Amino acid sequence: MADLYKKMLDDTFTKYYERFRELNALSKENAVTKAELFPDGQNLLDPDRMHKMLSAGIVKRVGFNRYWLDENRANDSKGILKQRLLIVVLGLIFGLILVALEKMGIINL
């Protein structure tokens, strides 16, 4: 499953990985702005893809508006998959706790 997830990530983000590599934005010191990443402007998918890479830790933010590619994280599809599964499991547990508290009359949803 991790291999399938890695293929999905690579298929989705390869063009962004390549752009970061072209700009040598592979460390905090070489972080770039969105204007540098997208000199022709962003298309409709770019903000969503950047958000997904940021939330997965593939792209790191420096300051307010500078970004760099964490290649170690980009190559760690198992770690990213574990992170996503953990979020789903925690969401389910939280939902079950809310339902139990409501049934016990402690909270009112």
PDB file of N, CA and C in Angstrom:
ATOM      1  N   MET A   1       0.810  -1.185   0.000  1.00  0.00           N
ATOM      2  CA  MET A   1       0.000   0.000   0.000  1.00  0.00           C
ATOM      3  C   MET A   1       0.861   1.259   0.000  1.00  0.00           C
ATOM      4  N   ALA A   2       2.000   1.218   0.715  1.00  0.00           N
ATOM      5  CA  ALA A   2       2.890   2.376   0.770  1.00  0.00           C
ATOM      6  C   ALA A   2       3.453   2.687  -0.615  1.00  0.00           C
ATOM      7  N   ASP A   3       3.734   1.652  -1.404  1.00  0.00           N
ATOM      8  CA  ASP A   3       4.257   1.876  -2.751  1.00  0.00           C
ATOM      9  C   ASP A   3       3.212   2.555  -3.633  1.00  0.00           C
ATOM     10  N   LEU A   4       1.973   2.140  -3.501  1.00  0.00           N
ATOM     11  CA  LEU A   4       0.888   2.758  -4.256  1.00  0.00           C
ATOM     12  C   LEU A   4       0.716   4.217  -3.831  1.00  0.00           C
ATOM     13  N   TYR A   5       0.811   4.480  -2.543  1.00  0.00           N
ATOM     14  CA  TYR A   5       0.687   5.844  -2.032  1.00  0.00           C
ATOM     15  C   TYR A   5       1.845   6.706  -2.533  1.00  0.00           C
ATOM     16  N   LYS A   6       3.069   6.145  -2.555  1.00  0.00           N
ATOM     17  CA  LYS A   6       4.227   6.887  -3.073  1.00  0.00           C
ATOM     18  C   LYS A   6       4.038   7.224  -4.537  1.00  0.00           C
ATOM     19  N   LYS A   7       3.528   6.289  -5.317  1.00  0.00           N
ATOM     20  CA  LYS A   7       3.284   6.545  -6.736  1.00  0.00           C
ATOM     21  C   LYS A   7       2.254   7.662  -6.911  1.00  0.00           C
ATOM     22  N   MET A   8       1.221   7.624  -6.077  1.00  0.00           N
ATOM     23  CA  MET A   8       0.195   8.661  -6.154  1.00  0.00           C
ATOM     24  C   MET A   8       0.795  10.033  -5.819  1.00  0.00           C
ATOM     25  N   LEU A   9       1.605  10.096  -4.757  1.00  0.00           N
ATOM     26  CA  LEU A   9       2.242  11.359  -4.392  1.00  0.00           C
ATOM     27  C   LEU A   9       3.163  11.854  -5.497  1.00  0.00           C
ATOM     28  N   ASP A  10       3.979  10.949  -6.034  1.00  0.00           N
ATOM     29  CA  ASP A  10       4.906  11.334  -7.091  1.00  0.00           C
ATOM     30  C   ASP A  10       4.174  11.802  -8.335  1.00  0.00           C
ATOM     31  N   ASP A  11       3.114  11.109  -8.713  1.00  0.00           N
ATOM     32  CA  ASP A  11       2.344  11.515  -9.891  1.00  0.00           C
ATOM     33  C   ASP A  11       1.736  12.904  -9.703  1.00  0.00           C
ATOM     34  N   THR A  12       1.317  13.201  -8.501  1.00  0.00           N
ATOM     35  CA  THR A  12       0.658  14.473  -8.217  1.00  0.00           C
ATOM     36  C   THR A  12       1.650  15.618  -8.068  1.00  0.00           C
ATOM     37  N   PHE A  13       2.775  15.374  -7.413  1.00  0.00           N
ATOM     38  CA  PHE A  13       3.660  16.466  -7.025  1.00  0.00           C
ATOM     39  C   PHE A  13       4.975  16.557  -7.800  1.00  0.00           C
ATOM     40  N   THR A  14       5.243  15.673  -8.748  1.00  0.00           N
ATOM     41  CA  THR A  14       6.536  15.661  -9.434  1.00  0.00           C
ATOM     42  C   THR A  14       6.895  17.009 -10.038  1.00  0.00           C
ATOM     43  N   LYS A  15       5.941  17.666 -10.681  1.00  0.00           N
ATOM     44  CA  LYS A  15       6.277  18.950 -11.318  1.00  0.00           C
ATOM     45  C   LYS A  15       6.685  19.991 -10.279  1.00  0.00           C
ATOM     46  N   TYR A  16       6.110  19.906  -9.083  1.00  0.00           N
ATOM     47  CA  TYR A  16       6.485  20.834  -8.012  1.00  0.00           C
ATOM     48  C   TYR A  16       7.860  20.485  -7.461  1.00  0.00           C
ATOM     49  N   TYR A  17       8.130  19.192  -7.285  1.00  0.00           N
ATOM     50  CA  TYR A  17       9.458  18.763  -6.835  1.00  0.00           C
ATOM     51  C   TYR A  17      10.520  19.285  -7.792  1.00  0.00           C
ATOM     52  N   GLU A  18      10.270  19.115  -9.077  1.00  0.00           N
ATOM     53  CA  GLU A  18      11.241  19.534 -10.094  1.00  0.00           C
ATOM     54  C   GLU A  18      11.473  21.040 -10.047  1.00  0.00           C
ATOM     55  N   ARG A  19      10.418  21.804  -9.848  1.00  0.00           N
ATOM     56  CA  ARG A  19      10.548  23.268  -9.790  1.00  0.00           C
ATOM     57  C   ARG A  19      11.381  23.673  -8.569  1.00  0.00           C
ATOM     58  N   PHE A  20      11.146  23.054  -7.426  1.00  0.00           N
ATOM     59  CA  PHE A  20      11.960  23.353  -6.241  1.00  0.00           C
ATOM     60  C   PHE A  20      13.422  23.007  -6.509  1.00  0.00           C
ATOM     61  N   ARG A  21      13.657  21.882  -7.166  1.00  0.00           N
ATOM     62  CA  ARG A  21      15.040  21.485  -7.473  1.00  0.00           C
ATOM     63  C   ARG A  21      15.692  22.454  -8.446  1.00  0.00           C
ATOM     64  N   GLU A  22      14.961  22.913  -9.455  1.00  0.00           N
ATOM     65  CA  GLU A  22      15.500  23.896 -10.412  1.00  0.00           C
ATOM     66  C   GLU A  22      15.959  25.160  -9.698  1.00  0.00           C
ATOM     67  N   LEU A  23      15.191  25.569  -8.696  1.00  0.00           N
ATOM     68  CA  LEU A  23      15.502  26.788  -7.950  1.00  0.00           C
ATOM     69  C   LEU A  23      16.456  26.535  -6.788  1.00  0.00           C
ATOM     70  N   ASN A  24      16.880  25.277  -6.606  1.00  0.00           N
ATOM     71  CA  ASN A  24      17.756  24.857  -5.516  1.00  0.00           C
ATOM     72  C   ASN A  24      17.154  25.199  -4.148  1.00  0.00           C
ATOM     73  N   ALA A  25      15.849  25.126  -4.060  1.00  0.00           N
ATOM     74  CA  ALA A  25      15.142  25.404  -2.801  1.00  0.00           C
ATOM     75  C   ALA A  25      14.990  24.108  -2.020  1.00  0.00           C
ATOM     76  N   LEU A  26      16.129  23.568  -1.588  1.00  0.00           N
ATOM     77  CA  LEU A  26      16.161  22.279  -0.909  1.00  0.00           C
ATOM     78  C   LEU A  26      16.610  22.409   0.539  1.00  0.00           C
ATOM     79  N   SER A  27      16.713  23.635   1.003  1.00  0.00           N
ATOM     80  CA  SER A  27      17.075  23.872   2.397  1.00  0.00           C
ATOM     81  C   SER A  27      16.451  25.186   2.848  1.00  0.00           C
ATOM     82  N   LYS A  28      16.431  25.361   4.129  1.00  0.00           N
ATOM     83  CA  LYS A  28      15.876  26.568   4.738  1.00  0.00           C
ATOM     84  C   LYS A  28      16.559  27.830   4.191  1.00  0.00           C
ATOM     85  N   GLU A  29      17.855  27.736   4.006  1.00  0.00           N
ATOM     86  CA  GLU A  29      18.641  28.886   3.552  1.00  0.00           C
ATOM     87  C   GLU A  29      18.315  29.276   2.109  1.00  0.00           C
ATOM     88  N   ASN A  30      17.842  28.329   1.318  1.00  0.00           N
ATOM     89  CA  ASN A  30      17.552  28.589  -0.099  1.00  0.00           C
ATOM     90  C   ASN A  30      16.056  28.665  -0.383  1.00  0.00           C
ATOM     91  N   ALA A  31      15.253  28.892   0.628  1.00  0.00           N
ATOM     92  CA  ALA A  31      13.798  28.944   0.459  1.00  0.00           C
ATOM     93  C   ALA A  31      13.416  30.034  -0.543  1.00  0.00           C
ATOM     94  N   VAL A  32      12.320  29.794  -1.261  1.00  0.00           N
ATOM     95  CA  VAL A  32      11.862  30.720  -2.301  1.00  0.00           C
ATOM     96  C   VAL A  32      10.422  31.155  -2.028  1.00  0.00           C
ATOM     97  N   THR A  33      10.032  32.241  -2.663  1.00  0.00           N
ATOM     98  CA  THR A  33       8.665  32.741  -2.529  1.00  0.00           C
ATOM     99  C   THR A  33       7.778  32.074  -3.580  1.00  0.00           C
ATOM    100  N   LYS A  34       6.475  32.229  -3.420  1.00  0.00           N
ATOM    101  CA  LYS A  34       5.546  31.689  -4.416  1.00  0.00           C
ATOM    102  C   LYS A  34       5.729  32.380  -5.758  1.00  0.00           C
ATOM    103  N   ALA A  35       6.102  33.664  -5.739  1.00  0.00           N
ATOM    104  CA  ALA A  35       6.339  34.386  -6.994  1.00  0.00           C
ATOM    105  C   ALA A  35       7.500  33.756  -7.761  1.00  0.00           C
ATOM    106  N   GLU A  36       8.512  33.281  -7.047  1.00  0.00           N
ATOM    107  CA  GLU A  36       9.636  32.607  -7.696  1.00  0.00           C
ATOM    108  C   GLU A  36       9.234  31.216  -8.185  1.00  0.00           C
ATOM    109  N   LEU A  37       8.414  30.532  -7.390  1.00  0.00           N
ATOM    110  CA  LEU A  37       7.962  29.192  -7.780  1.00  0.00           C
ATOM    111  C   LEU A  37       7.049  29.234  -9.005  1.00  0.00           C
ATOM    112  N   PHE A  38       6.193  30.236  -9.040  1.00  0.00           N
ATOM    113  CA  PHE A  38       5.197  30.350 -10.102  1.00  0.00           C
ATOM    114  C   PHE A  38       5.349  31.690 -10.810  1.00  0.00           C
ATOM    115  N   PRO A  39       6.409  31.854 -11.616  1.00  0.00           N
ATOM    116  CA  PRO A  39       6.644  33.152 -12.256  1.00  0.00           C
ATOM    117  C   PRO A  39       5.524  33.559 -13.232  1.00  0.00           C
ATOM    118  N   ASP A  40       4.808  32.596 -13.767  1.00  0.00           N
ATOM    119  CA  ASP A  40       3.705  32.893 -14.692  1.00  0.00           C
ATOM    120  C   ASP A  40       2.367  32.941 -13.972  1.00  0.00           C
ATOM    121  N   GLY A  41       2.374  32.915 -12.654  1.00  0.00           N
ATOM    122  CA  GLY A  41       1.149  32.896 -11.867  1.00  0.00           C
ATOM    123  C   GLY A  41       0.718  31.470 -11.588  1.00  0.00           C
ATOM    124  N   GLN A  42      -0.156  31.318 -10.633  1.00  0.00           N
ATOM    125  CA  GLN A  42      -0.630  30.001 -10.240  1.00  0.00           C
ATOM    126  C   GLN A  42      -1.874  29.622 -11.033  1.00  0.00           C
ATOM    127  N   ASN A  43      -1.980  28.335 -11.381  1.00  0.00           N
ATOM    128  CA  ASN A  43      -3.225  27.861 -11.982  1.00  0.00           C
ATOM    129  C   ASN A  43      -4.183  27.478 -10.854  1.00  0.00           C
ATOM    130  N   LEU A  44      -5.329  26.945 -11.173  1.00  0.00           N
ATOM    131  CA  LEU A  44      -6.337  26.644 -10.149  1.00  0.00           C
ATOM    132  C   LEU A  44      -5.905  25.571  -9.149  1.00  0.00           C
ATOM    133  N   LEU A  45      -5.058  24.630  -9.579  1.00  0.00           N
ATOM    134  CA  LEU A  45      -4.644  23.534  -8.707  1.00  0.00           C
ATOM    135  C   LEU A  45      -3.451  23.864  -7.817  1.00  0.00           C
ATOM    136  N   ASP A  46      -2.645  24.828  -8.202  1.00  0.00           N
ATOM    137  CA  ASP A  46      -1.408  25.109  -7.467  1.00  0.00           C
ATOM    138  C   ASP A  46      -1.617  25.427  -5.988  1.00  0.00           C
ATOM    139  N   PRO A  47      -2.559  26.310  -5.605  1.00  0.00           N
ATOM    140  CA  PRO A  47      -2.728  26.572  -4.167  1.00  0.00           C
ATOM    141  C   PRO A  47      -3.107  25.320  -3.373  1.00  0.00           C
ATOM    142  N   ASP A  48      -3.971  24.493  -3.948  1.00  0.00           N
ATOM    143  CA  ASP A  48      -4.381  23.254  -3.270  1.00  0.00           C
ATOM    144  C   ASP A  48      -3.198  22.303  -3.122  1.00  0.00           C
ATOM    145  N   ARG A  49      -2.416  22.152  -4.167  1.00  0.00           N
ATOM    146  CA  ARG A  49      -1.254  21.244  -4.116  1.00  0.00           C
ATOM    147  C   ARG A  49      -0.216  21.747  -3.121  1.00  0.00           C
ATOM    148  N   MET A  50       0.012  23.059  -3.089  1.00  0.00           N
ATOM    149  CA  MET A  50       0.962  23.609  -2.120  1.00  0.00           C
ATOM    150  C   MET A  50       0.464  23.348  -0.696  1.00  0.00           C
ATOM    151  N   HIS A  51      -0.832  23.533  -0.472  1.00  0.00           N
ATOM    152  CA  HIS A  51      -1.407  23.281   0.847  1.00  0.00           C
ATOM    153  C   HIS A  51      -1.222  21.817   1.254  1.00  0.00           C
ATOM    154  N   LYS A  52      -1.456  20.907   0.321  1.00  0.00           N
ATOM    155  CA  LYS A  52      -1.297  19.480   0.624  1.00  0.00           C
ATOM    156  C   LYS A  52       0.160  19.126   0.932  1.00  0.00           C
ATOM    157  N   MET A  53       1.089  19.708   0.159  1.00  0.00           N
ATOM    158  CA  MET A  53       2.501  19.429   0.421  1.00  0.00           C
ATOM    159  C   MET A  53       2.931  20.021   1.764  1.00  0.00           C
ATOM    160  N   LEU A  54       2.407  21.185   2.103  1.00  0.00           N
ATOM    161  CA  LEU A  54       2.716  21.788   3.407  1.00  0.00           C
ATOM    162  C   LEU A  54       2.162  20.943   4.549  1.00  0.00           C
ATOM    163  N   SER A  55       0.924  20.496   4.407  1.00  0.00           N
ATOM    164  CA  SER A  55       0.314  19.720   5.498  1.00  0.00           C
ATOM    165  C   SER A  55       0.970  18.357   5.668  1.00  0.00           C
ATOM    166  N   ALA A  56       1.536  17.813   4.601  1.00  0.00           N
ATOM    167  CA  ALA A  56       2.230  16.530   4.698  1.00  0.00           C
ATOM    168  C   ALA A  56       3.673  16.699   5.156  1.00  0.00           C
ATOM    169  N   GLY A  57       4.154  17.935   5.214  1.00  0.00           N
ATOM    170  CA  GLY A  57       5.526  18.181   5.626  1.00  0.00           C
ATOM    171  C   GLY A  57       6.532  18.020   4.512  1.00  0.00           C
ATOM    172  N   ILE A  58       6.067  17.861   3.286  1.00  0.00           N
ATOM    173  CA  ILE A  58       6.963  17.724   2.141  1.00  0.00           C
ATOM    174  C   ILE A  58       7.605  19.069   1.825  1.00  0.00           C
ATOM    175  N   VAL A  59       6.809  20.108   1.897  1.00  0.00           N
ATOM    176  CA  VAL A  59       7.293  21.470   1.725  1.00  0.00           C
ATOM    177  C   VAL A  59       7.238  22.136   3.085  1.00  0.00           C
ATOM    178  N   LYS A  60       8.296  22.847   3.418  1.00  0.00           N
ATOM    179  CA  LYS A  60       8.381  23.544   4.707  1.00  0.00           C
ATOM    180  C   LYS A  60       8.319  25.046   4.458  1.00  0.00           C
ATOM    181  N   ARG A  61       7.738  25.738   5.420  1.00  0.00           N
ATOM    182  CA  ARG A  61       7.620  27.194   5.337  1.00  0.00           C
ATOM    183  C   ARG A  61       8.713  27.830   6.190  1.00  0.00           C
ATOM    184  N   VAL A  62       9.305  28.895   5.657  1.00  0.00           N
ATOM    185  CA  VAL A  62      10.278  29.684   6.401  1.00  0.00           C
ATOM    186  C   VAL A  62       9.710  31.097   6.471  1.00  0.00           C
ATOM    187  N   GLY A  63       9.489  31.566   7.674  1.00  0.00           N
ATOM    188  CA  GLY A  63       8.906  32.895   7.817  1.00  0.00           C
ATOM    189  C   GLY A  63       7.474  32.908   7.311  1.00  0.00           C
ATOM    190  N   PHE A  64       7.120  34.008   6.714  1.00  0.00           N
ATOM    191  CA  PHE A  64       5.738  34.183   6.279  1.00  0.00           C
ATOM    192  C   PHE A  64       5.473  33.636   4.877  1.00  0.00           C
ATOM    193  N   ASN A  65       6.423  33.787   3.963  1.00  0.00           N
ATOM    194  CA  ASN A  65       6.110  33.449   2.573  1.00  0.00           C
ATOM    195  C   ASN A  65       7.264  32.830   1.796  1.00  0.00           C
ATOM    196  N   ARG A  66       8.088  32.063   2.451  1.00  0.00           N
ATOM    197  CA  ARG A  66       9.184  31.390   1.737  1.00  0.00           C
ATOM    198  C   ARG A  66       9.066  29.892   1.990  1.00  0.00           C
ATOM    199  N   TYR A  67       9.391  29.097   0.972  1.00  0.00           N
ATOM    200  CA  TYR A  67       9.148  27.657   1.016  1.00  0.00           C
ATOM    201  C   TYR A  67      10.364  26.904   0.488  1.00  0.00           C
ATOM    202  N   TRP A  68      10.533  25.680   1.007  1.00  0.00           N
ATOM    203  CA  TRP A  68      11.584  24.809   0.497  1.00  0.00           C
ATOM    204  C   TRP A  68      11.118  23.358   0.550  1.00  0.00           C
ATOM    205  N   LEU A  69      11.695  22.527  -0.305  1.00  0.00           N
ATOM    206  CA  LEU A  69      11.333  21.117  -0.427  1.00  0.00           C
ATOM    207  C   LEU A  69      12.200  20.282   0.503  1.00  0.00           C
ATOM    208  N   ASP A  70      11.568  19.519   1.374  1.00  0.00           N
ATOM    209  CA  ASP A  70      12.255  18.579   2.251  1.00  0.00           C
ATOM    210  C   ASP A  70      12.284  17.235   1.519  1.00  0.00           C
ATOM    211  N   GLU A  71      13.380  16.974   0.835  1.00  0.00           N
ATOM    212  CA  GLU A  71      13.460  15.759   0.012  1.00  0.00           C
ATOM    213  C   GLU A  71      13.389  14.477   0.840  1.00  0.00           C
ATOM    214  N   ASN A  72      13.909  14.507   2.049  1.00  0.00           N
ATOM    215  CA  ASN A  72      13.808  13.314   2.894  1.00  0.00           C
ATOM    216  C   ASN A  72      12.351  12.978   3.172  1.00  0.00           C
ATOM    217  N   ARG A  73      11.554  13.990   3.461  1.00  0.00           N
ATOM    218  CA  ARG A  73      10.128  13.781   3.738  1.00  0.00           C
ATOM    219  C   ARG A  73       9.399  13.366   2.459  1.00  0.00           C
ATOM    220  N   ALA A  74       9.777  13.954   1.329  1.00  0.00           N
ATOM    221  CA  ALA A  74       9.140  13.616   0.061  1.00  0.00           C
ATOM    222  C   ALA A  74       9.374  12.148  -0.301  1.00  0.00           C
ATOM    223  N   ASN A  75      10.514  11.610   0.111  1.00  0.00           N
ATOM    224  CA  ASN A  75      10.831  10.212  -0.185  1.00  0.00           C
ATOM    225  C   ASN A  75      10.311   9.244   0.874  1.00  0.00           C
ATOM    226  N   ASP A  76       9.740   9.770   1.953  1.00  0.00           N
ATOM    227  CA  ASP A  76       9.239   8.937   3.051  1.00  0.00           C
ATOM    228  C   ASP A  76       7.721   8.756   2.941  1.00  0.00           C
ATOM    229  N   SER A  77       7.288   8.026   1.916  1.00  0.00           N
ATOM    230  CA  SER A  77       5.846   7.857   1.706  1.00  0.00           C
ATOM    231  C   SER A  77       5.204   7.072   2.844  1.00  0.00           C
ATOM    232  N   LYS A  78       5.949   6.162   3.467  1.00  0.00           N
ATOM    233  CA  LYS A  78       5.389   5.408   4.595  1.00  0.00           C
ATOM    234  C   LYS A  78       5.094   6.337   5.766  1.00  0.00           C
ATOM    235  N   GLY A  79       5.979   7.271   6.026  1.00  0.00           N
ATOM    236  CA  GLY A  79       5.763   8.222   7.112  1.00  0.00           C
ATOM    237  C   GLY A  79       4.563   9.110   6.853  1.00  0.00           C
ATOM    238  N   ILE A  80       4.406   9.554   5.621  1.00  0.00           N
ATOM    239  CA  ILE A  80       3.274  10.402   5.258  1.00  0.00           C
ATOM    240  C   ILE A  80       1.979   9.614   5.369  1.00  0.00           C
ATOM    241  N   LEU A  81       1.997   8.377   4.897  1.00  0.00           N
ATOM    242  CA  LEU A  81       0.810   7.530   4.976  1.00  0.00           C
ATOM    243  C   LEU A  81       0.423   7.263   6.435  1.00  0.00           C
ATOM    244  N   LYS A  82       1.420   6.988   7.282  1.00  0.00           N
ATOM    245  CA  LYS A  82       1.148   6.775   8.710  1.00  0.00           C
ATOM    246  C   LYS A  82       0.528   8.019   9.332  1.00  0.00           C
ATOM    247  N   GLN A  83       1.041   9.188   8.958  1.00  0.00           N
ATOM    248  CA  GLN A  83       0.495  10.445   9.478  1.00  0.00           C
ATOM    249  C   GLN A  83      -0.972  10.589   9.087  1.00  0.00           C
ATOM    250  N   ARG A  84      -1.294  10.318   7.836  1.00  0.00           N
ATOM    251  CA  ARG A  84      -2.672  10.445   7.354  1.00  0.00           C
ATOM    252  C   ARG A  84      -3.595   9.441   8.050  1.00  0.00           C
ATOM    253  N   LEU A  85      -3.141   8.208   8.200  1.00  0.00           N
ATOM    254  CA  LEU A  85      -3.958   7.197   8.867  1.00  0.00           C
ATOM    255  C   LEU A  85      -4.177   7.537  10.342  1.00  0.00           C
ATOM    256  N   LEU A  86      -3.160   8.068  10.986  1.00  0.00           N
ATOM    257  CA  LEU A  86      -3.286   8.469  12.384  1.00  0.00           C
ATOM    258  C   LEU A  86      -4.338   9.567  12.541  1.00  0.00           C
ATOM    259  N   ILE A  87      -4.357  10.514  11.614  1.00  0.00           N
ATOM    260  CA  ILE A  87      -5.358  11.587  11.662  1.00  0.00           C
ATOM    261  C   ILE A  87      -6.763  11.014  11.529  1.00  0.00           C
ATOM    262  N   VAL A  88      -6.947  10.061  10.624  1.00  0.00           N
ATOM    263  CA  VAL A  88      -8.261   9.433  10.442  1.00  0.00           C
ATOM    264  C   VAL A  88      -8.674   8.685  11.704  1.00  0.00           C
ATOM    265  N   VAL A  89      -7.771   7.909  12.268  1.00  0.00           N
ATOM    266  CA  VAL A  89      -8.077   7.134  13.485  1.00  0.00           C
ATOM    267  C   VAL A  89      -8.418   8.069  14.642  1.00  0.00           C
ATOM    268  N   LEU A  90      -7.643   9.128  14.821  1.00  0.00           N
ATOM    269  CA  LEU A  90      -7.925  10.077  15.894  1.00  0.00           C
ATOM    270  C   LEU A  90      -9.276  10.765  15.681  1.00  0.00           C
ATOM    271  N   GLY A  91      -9.620  11.065  14.443  1.00  0.00           N
ATOM    272  CA  GLY A  91     -10.924  11.651  14.146  1.00  0.00           C
ATOM    273  C   GLY A  91     -12.062  10.707  14.513  1.00  0.00           C
ATOM    274  N   LEU A  92     -11.897   9.430  14.197  1.00  0.00           N
ATOM    275  CA  LEU A  92     -12.915   8.435  14.548  1.00  0.00           C
ATOM    276  C   LEU A  92     -13.065   8.299  16.063  1.00  0.00           C
ATOM    277  N   ILE A  93     -11.940   8.253  16.767  1.00  0.00           N
ATOM    278  CA  ILE A  93     -11.982   8.143  18.222  1.00  0.00           C
ATOM    279  C   ILE A  93     -12.679   9.365  18.825  1.00  0.00           C
ATOM    280  N   PHE A  94     -12.346  10.537  18.339  1.00  0.00           N
ATOM    281  CA  PHE A  94     -12.976  11.762  18.827  1.00  0.00           C
ATOM    282  C   PHE A  94     -14.486  11.727  18.586  1.00  0.00           C
ATOM    283  N   GLY A  95     -14.883  11.276  17.406  1.00  0.00           N
ATOM    284  CA  GLY A  95     -16.308  11.158  17.094  1.00  0.00           C
ATOM    285  C   GLY A  95     -17.013  10.181  18.021  1.00  0.00           C
ATOM    286  N   LEU A  96     -16.404   9.047  18.287  1.00  0.00           N
ATOM    287  CA  LEU A  96     -16.991   8.061  19.201  1.00  0.00           C
ATOM    288  C   LEU A  96     -17.110   8.603  20.622  1.00  0.00           C
ATOM    289  N   ILE A  97     -16.124   9.360  21.050  1.00  0.00           N
ATOM    290  CA  ILE A  97     -16.179   9.966  22.388  1.00  0.00           C
ATOM    291  C   ILE A  97     -17.336  10.961  22.464  1.00  0.00           C
ATOM    292  N   LEU A  98     -17.506  11.761  21.415  1.00  0.00           N
ATOM    293  CA  LEU A  98     -18.615  12.719  21.401  1.00  0.00           C
ATOM    294  C   LEU A  98     -19.965  12.014  21.461  1.00  0.00           C
ATOM    295  N   VAL A  99     -20.112  10.928  20.699  1.00  0.00           N
ATOM    296  CA  VAL A  99     -21.367  10.169  20.707  1.00  0.00           C
ATOM    297  C   VAL A  99     -21.613   9.585  22.091  1.00  0.00           C
ATOM    298  N   ALA A 100     -20.583   9.034  22.713  1.00  0.00           N
ATOM    299  CA  ALA A 100     -20.731   8.448  24.053  1.00  0.00           C
ATOM    300  C   ALA A 100     -21.106   9.513  25.078  1.00  0.00           C
ATOM    301  N   LEU A 101     -20.476  10.664  25.009  1.00  0.00           N
ATOM    302  CA  LEU A 101     -20.793  11.745  25.950  1.00  0.00           C
ATOM    303  C   LEU A 101     -22.219  12.252  25.761  1.00  0.00           C
ATOM    304  N   GLU A 102     -22.679  12.259  24.519  1.00  0.00           N
ATOM    305  CA  GLU A 102     -24.051  12.691  24.269  1.00  0.00           C
ATOM    306  C   GLU A 102     -25.044  11.663  24.818  1.00  0.00           C
ATOM    307  N   LYS A 103     -24.765  10.399  24.614  1.00  0.00           N
ATOM    308  CA  LYS A 103     -25.655   9.344  25.114  1.00  0.00           C
ATOM    309  C   LYS A 103     -25.718   9.338  26.651  1.00  0.00           C
ATOM    310  N   MET A 104     -24.633   9.722  27.286  1.00  0.00           N
ATOM    311  CA  MET A 104     -24.583   9.785  28.743  1.00  0.00           C
ATOM    312  C   MET A 104     -25.220  11.078  29.264  1.00  0.00           C
ATOM    313  N   GLY A 105     -25.576  11.971  28.363  1.00  0.00           N
ATOM    314  CA  GLY A 105     -26.212  13.216  28.764  1.00  0.00           C
ATOM    315  C   GLY A 105     -25.256  14.284  29.255  1.00  0.00           C
ATOM    316  N   ILE A 106     -23.970  14.088  29.030  1.00  0.00           N
ATOM    317  CA  ILE A 106     -22.967  15.045  29.486  1.00  0.00           C
ATOM    318  C   ILE A 106     -22.925  16.264  28.550  1.00  0.00           C
ATOM    319  N   ILE A 107     -23.075  16.010  27.254  1.00  0.00           N
ATOM    320  CA  ILE A 107     -23.121  17.113  26.298  1.00  0.00           C
ATOM    321  C   ILE A 107     -24.373  16.989  25.444  1.00  0.00           C
ATOM    322  N   ASN A 108     -24.744  18.070  24.808  1.00  0.00           N
ATOM    323  CA  ASN A 108     -25.910  18.088  23.935  1.00  0.00           C
ATOM    324  C   ASN A 108     -25.460  18.547  22.560  1.00  0.00           C
ATOM    325  N   LEU A 109     -25.504  17.677  21.587  1.00  0.00           N
ATOM    326  CA  LEU A 109     -25.095  18.057  20.224  1.00  0.00           C
ATOM    327  C   LEU A 109     -26.241  18.515  19.391  1.00  0.00           C
TER     328      LEU A 109
END
